[in-house]
N, C-alpha and C. Protein backbone atom coordinates (compact mmCIF):
# COMPACT_ATOMS: atom_id res chain seq x y z
N UNK A 1 -4.60 12.57 21.83
CA UNK A 1 -4.94 11.09 21.54
C UNK A 1 -4.25 10.83 21.12
N UNK A 2 -3.73 9.33 21.16
CA UNK A 2 -2.88 8.77 20.57
C UNK A 2 -3.38 8.40 19.33
N UNK A 3 -2.11 7.68 17.89
CA UNK A 3 -2.48 7.33 17.42
C UNK A 3 -2.45 5.80 17.18
N UNK A 4 -3.92 5.29 16.58
CA UNK A 4 -3.36 3.57 16.65
C UNK A 4 -2.23 3.18 15.59
N UNK A 5 -1.88 2.23 16.10
CA UNK A 5 -0.59 1.47 15.38
C UNK A 5 -0.85 0.37 14.46
N UNK A 6 -1.57 0.47 13.03
CA UNK A 6 -2.09 -0.55 12.34
C UNK A 6 -1.12 -1.58 12.27
N UNK A 7 0.22 -1.45 12.35
CA UNK A 7 0.98 -2.46 11.54
C UNK A 7 2.16 -2.81 13.15
N UNK A 8 1.36 -2.98 14.34
CA UNK A 8 1.59 -3.38 15.46
C UNK A 8 1.59 -5.30 15.79
N UNK A 9 3.03 -5.46 16.01
CA UNK A 9 2.82 -6.97 15.95
C UNK A 9 3.78 -7.51 14.70
N UNK A 10 3.69 -6.71 13.87
CA UNK A 10 4.26 -7.54 12.70
C UNK A 10 5.58 -7.78 12.80
N UNK A 11 6.18 -8.53 11.55
CA UNK A 11 7.53 -8.88 11.58
C UNK A 11 8.30 -7.90 10.84
N UNK A 12 7.48 -7.11 9.79
CA UNK A 12 8.34 -6.62 9.17
C UNK A 12 8.33 -5.09 9.70
N UNK A 13 9.41 -4.24 9.14
CA UNK A 13 9.23 -2.92 9.77
C UNK A 13 8.32 -1.92 9.16
N UNK A 14 7.44 -1.27 9.86
CA UNK A 14 6.24 -0.35 9.65
C UNK A 14 6.18 0.24 8.21
N UNK A 15 7.60 0.53 7.64
CA UNK A 15 7.29 1.32 6.46
C UNK A 15 7.14 0.43 5.45
N UNK A 16 7.73 -0.80 5.63
CA UNK A 16 8.14 -1.59 4.56
C UNK A 16 6.57 -1.93 4.12
N UNK A 17 5.77 -2.37 5.30
CA UNK A 17 3.87 -2.69 4.72
C UNK A 17 3.77 -1.91 3.29
N UNK A 18 3.17 -0.57 4.10
CA UNK A 18 2.43 0.27 2.82
C UNK A 18 3.28 0.68 1.69
N UNK A 19 4.71 0.77 1.65
CA UNK A 19 5.13 0.79 0.50
C UNK A 19 4.86 -0.24 -0.60
N UNK A 20 5.03 -1.38 0.00
CA UNK A 20 4.61 -2.58 -1.12
C UNK A 20 3.24 -2.39 -1.41
N UNK A 21 2.12 -2.09 -0.23
CA UNK A 21 0.89 -1.90 -0.72
C UNK A 21 0.33 -1.03 -1.76
N UNK A 22 1.52 0.19 -1.59
CA UNK A 22 1.13 0.91 -2.54
C UNK A 22 1.55 0.67 -3.74
N UNK A 23 2.64 -0.02 -3.68
CA UNK A 23 3.79 -0.16 -5.15
C UNK A 23 2.44 -0.63 -5.88
N UNK A 24 2.05 -1.75 -5.35
CA UNK A 24 0.83 -3.13 -6.24
C UNK A 24 -0.31 -2.47 -6.16
N UNK A 25 -1.00 -1.43 -5.39
CA UNK A 25 -2.03 -0.32 -6.14
C UNK A 25 -1.80 0.16 -7.22
N UNK A 26 -0.64 1.16 -6.56
CA UNK A 26 -0.30 2.13 -7.78
C UNK A 26 0.10 1.82 -9.26
N UNK A 27 0.87 0.98 -9.60
CA UNK A 27 1.53 0.51 -10.48
C UNK A 27 0.95 -0.90 -11.17
N UNK A 28 0.80 -1.48 -12.25
CA UNK A 28 0.33 -2.61 -12.78
C UNK A 28 1.61 -3.59 -12.86
N UNK A 29 1.58 -3.86 -11.19
CA UNK A 29 2.80 -4.83 -10.89
C UNK A 29 1.88 -6.25 -10.16
N UNK A 30 2.85 -7.36 -10.51
CA UNK A 30 1.92 -8.41 -9.60
C UNK A 30 3.14 -8.92 -8.54
N UNK A 31 2.35 -9.39 -7.16
CA UNK A 31 2.76 -9.64 -5.95
C UNK A 31 4.21 -10.14 -6.43
N UNK A 32 4.57 -10.69 -6.82
CA UNK A 32 6.14 -11.80 -7.06
C UNK A 32 7.40 -10.39 -7.65
N UNK A 33 6.62 -9.51 -8.79
CA UNK A 33 7.45 -8.25 -8.93
C UNK A 33 7.71 -7.32 -7.94
N UNK A 34 6.56 -7.09 -6.91
CA UNK A 34 6.86 -6.50 -5.74
C UNK A 34 7.51 -6.77 -4.83
N UNK A 35 7.85 -8.24 -5.09
CA UNK A 35 8.50 -8.79 -4.13
C UNK A 35 9.84 -8.92 -4.52
N UNK A 36 10.31 -9.04 -5.90
CA UNK A 36 11.68 -8.65 -6.50
C UNK A 36 12.16 -7.19 -6.08
N UNK A 37 11.37 -6.54 -6.50
CA UNK A 37 11.58 -5.24 -6.27
C UNK A 37 12.40 -4.56 -4.49
N UNK A 38 11.42 -5.42 -3.69
CA UNK A 38 11.95 -5.08 -2.54
C UNK A 38 12.79 -5.75 -1.89
N UNK A 39 13.17 -7.29 -2.44
CA UNK A 39 14.59 -7.74 -2.49
C UNK A 39 15.63 -7.74 -2.86
N UNK A 40 15.30 -6.63 -4.01
CA UNK A 40 16.65 -5.57 -4.39
C UNK A 40 17.06 -5.02 -3.42
N UNK A 41 16.04 -4.50 -2.78
CA UNK A 41 16.58 -3.44 -1.27
C UNK A 41 17.19 -3.88 -0.38
N UNK A 42 17.16 -5.80 -0.36
CA UNK A 42 18.28 -6.25 0.64
C UNK A 42 17.14 -6.96 1.67
N UNK A 43 15.63 -6.97 1.45
CA UNK A 43 14.67 -7.53 2.30
C UNK A 43 14.15 -8.85 1.65
N UNK A 44 13.64 -10.01 2.57
CA UNK A 44 13.49 -11.11 2.28
C UNK A 44 12.06 -10.95 2.64
N UNK A 45 11.09 -11.11 1.49
CA UNK A 45 10.09 -10.72 1.75
C UNK A 45 8.97 -12.20 0.58
N UNK A 46 8.05 -12.68 1.02
CA UNK A 46 7.37 -13.87 0.30
C UNK A 46 6.31 -13.04 -0.61
N UNK A 47 5.63 -13.50 -1.46
CA UNK A 47 4.45 -12.92 -2.22
C UNK A 47 3.17 -13.17 -1.56
N UNK A 48 3.08 -13.92 -0.88
CA UNK A 48 2.03 -14.37 0.12
C UNK A 48 1.72 -13.12 1.48
N UNK A 49 2.76 -12.84 1.70
CA UNK A 49 2.76 -11.44 2.25
C UNK A 49 2.55 -10.50 2.16
N UNK A 50 2.67 -10.00 0.51
CA UNK A 50 2.65 -9.23 -0.04
C UNK A 50 0.85 -9.11 -0.02
N UNK A 51 0.33 -10.19 -0.68
CA UNK A 51 -0.96 -10.23 -0.94
C UNK A 51 -2.12 -10.22 0.89
N UNK A 52 -1.19 -11.02 1.95
CA UNK A 52 -1.86 -10.22 2.90
C UNK A 52 -1.76 -9.28 3.26
N UNK A 53 -0.73 -8.68 3.10
CA UNK A 53 -0.70 -7.16 3.20
C UNK A 53 -2.07 -6.14 2.72
N UNK A 54 -2.24 -6.49 1.20
CA UNK A 54 -3.11 -5.92 0.01
C UNK A 54 -4.29 -6.28 0.55
N UNK A 55 -4.69 -7.34 1.42
CA UNK A 55 -6.03 -7.73 1.37
C UNK A 55 -6.42 -6.88 2.79
N UNK A 56 -5.30 -6.72 3.59
CA UNK A 56 -5.72 -6.24 5.12
C UNK A 56 -5.80 -4.99 4.83
N UNK A 57 -4.60 -4.03 4.18
CA UNK A 57 -4.23 -2.82 4.52
C UNK A 57 -5.07 -2.18 3.34
N UNK A 58 -5.10 -2.42 2.38
CA UNK A 58 -5.12 -2.05 1.10
C UNK A 58 -6.76 -0.59 1.32
N UNK A 59 -7.85 -1.31 1.56
CA UNK A 59 -8.84 -0.36 1.90
C UNK A 59 -8.50 0.74 2.84
N UNK A 60 -7.92 0.89 4.13
CA UNK A 60 -7.80 1.28 5.09
C UNK A 60 -6.42 2.46 4.39
N UNK A 61 -5.83 2.27 3.57
CA UNK A 61 -4.77 3.54 2.93
C UNK A 61 -5.58 3.98 1.98
N UNK A 62 -6.15 3.46 1.52
CA UNK A 62 -6.88 4.11 0.33
C UNK A 62 -7.83 4.93 0.96
N UNK A 63 -9.08 4.69 2.10
CA UNK A 63 -9.56 5.66 3.04
C UNK A 63 -8.84 6.89 3.53
N UNK A 64 -7.51 6.82 3.53
CA UNK A 64 -6.92 7.62 4.40
C UNK A 64 -6.38 8.40 3.43
N UNK A 65 -5.89 7.88 2.47
CA UNK A 65 -5.47 9.13 1.03
C UNK A 65 -6.37 9.58 0.29
N UNK A 66 -7.49 9.09 0.27
CA UNK A 66 -8.46 9.48 -0.69
C UNK A 66 -8.91 10.96 -0.50
N UNK A 67 -8.87 11.31 0.68
CA UNK A 67 -9.66 12.73 0.91
C UNK A 67 -8.55 13.94 0.60
N UNK A 68 -7.20 13.17 0.53
CA UNK A 68 -6.14 14.51 0.28
C UNK A 68 -5.76 14.54 -1.76
N UNK A 69 -6.26 13.81 -2.01
CA UNK A 69 -6.21 13.50 -3.58
C UNK A 69 -7.07 15.00 -4.46
N UNK A 70 -6.59 15.76 -5.54
CA UNK A 70 -6.79 16.09 -6.01
C UNK A 70 -7.83 15.61 -7.41
N UNK A 71 -8.56 16.17 -7.89
CA UNK A 71 -9.07 15.87 -9.22
C UNK A 71 -8.43 16.00 -10.48
N UNK A 72 -8.22 14.99 -11.31
CA UNK A 72 -6.94 14.73 -12.69
C UNK A 72 -8.06 15.47 -13.70
N UNK A 73 -9.06 15.85 -13.76
CA UNK A 73 -9.84 16.34 -14.90
C UNK A 73 -10.67 17.61 -14.51
N UNK A 74 -11.19 18.07 -15.87
CA UNK A 74 -11.54 19.59 -15.55
C UNK A 74 -13.34 19.00 -15.81
N UNK A 75 -13.04 18.14 -15.83
CA UNK A 75 -14.97 17.75 -16.05
C UNK A 75 -15.47 18.19 -14.87
N UNK A 76 -16.72 19.00 -15.33
CA UNK A 76 -18.14 19.41 -14.23
C UNK A 76 -19.41 19.01 -14.76
N UNK A 77 -19.93 18.44 -13.54
CA UNK A 77 -21.29 18.29 -13.73
C UNK A 77 -22.45 19.42 -13.71
N UNK A 78 -22.89 19.40 -14.82
CA UNK A 78 -23.38 20.59 -15.01
C UNK A 78 -25.41 19.82 -14.33
N UNK A 79 -25.92 20.85 -13.51
CA UNK A 79 -27.12 20.43 -12.98
C UNK A 79 -28.25 20.75 -14.16
């Protein structure tokens, strides 16, 4: 079964979009700070592009990553 290509027909490389979205969601950064980090690596990205990527791909990335996360505390629910 072929995998879907969610970043098909996008202007930027497919590796850049999830990287920007993950930076924004994982750390307390603004869209402009994410853009500064990407610009330091030689890519010209606008903050509205990062906003659109977060809105479009944020939930999908969360849905795909959530099953692989481990619990970070020892709290157990006792019934």
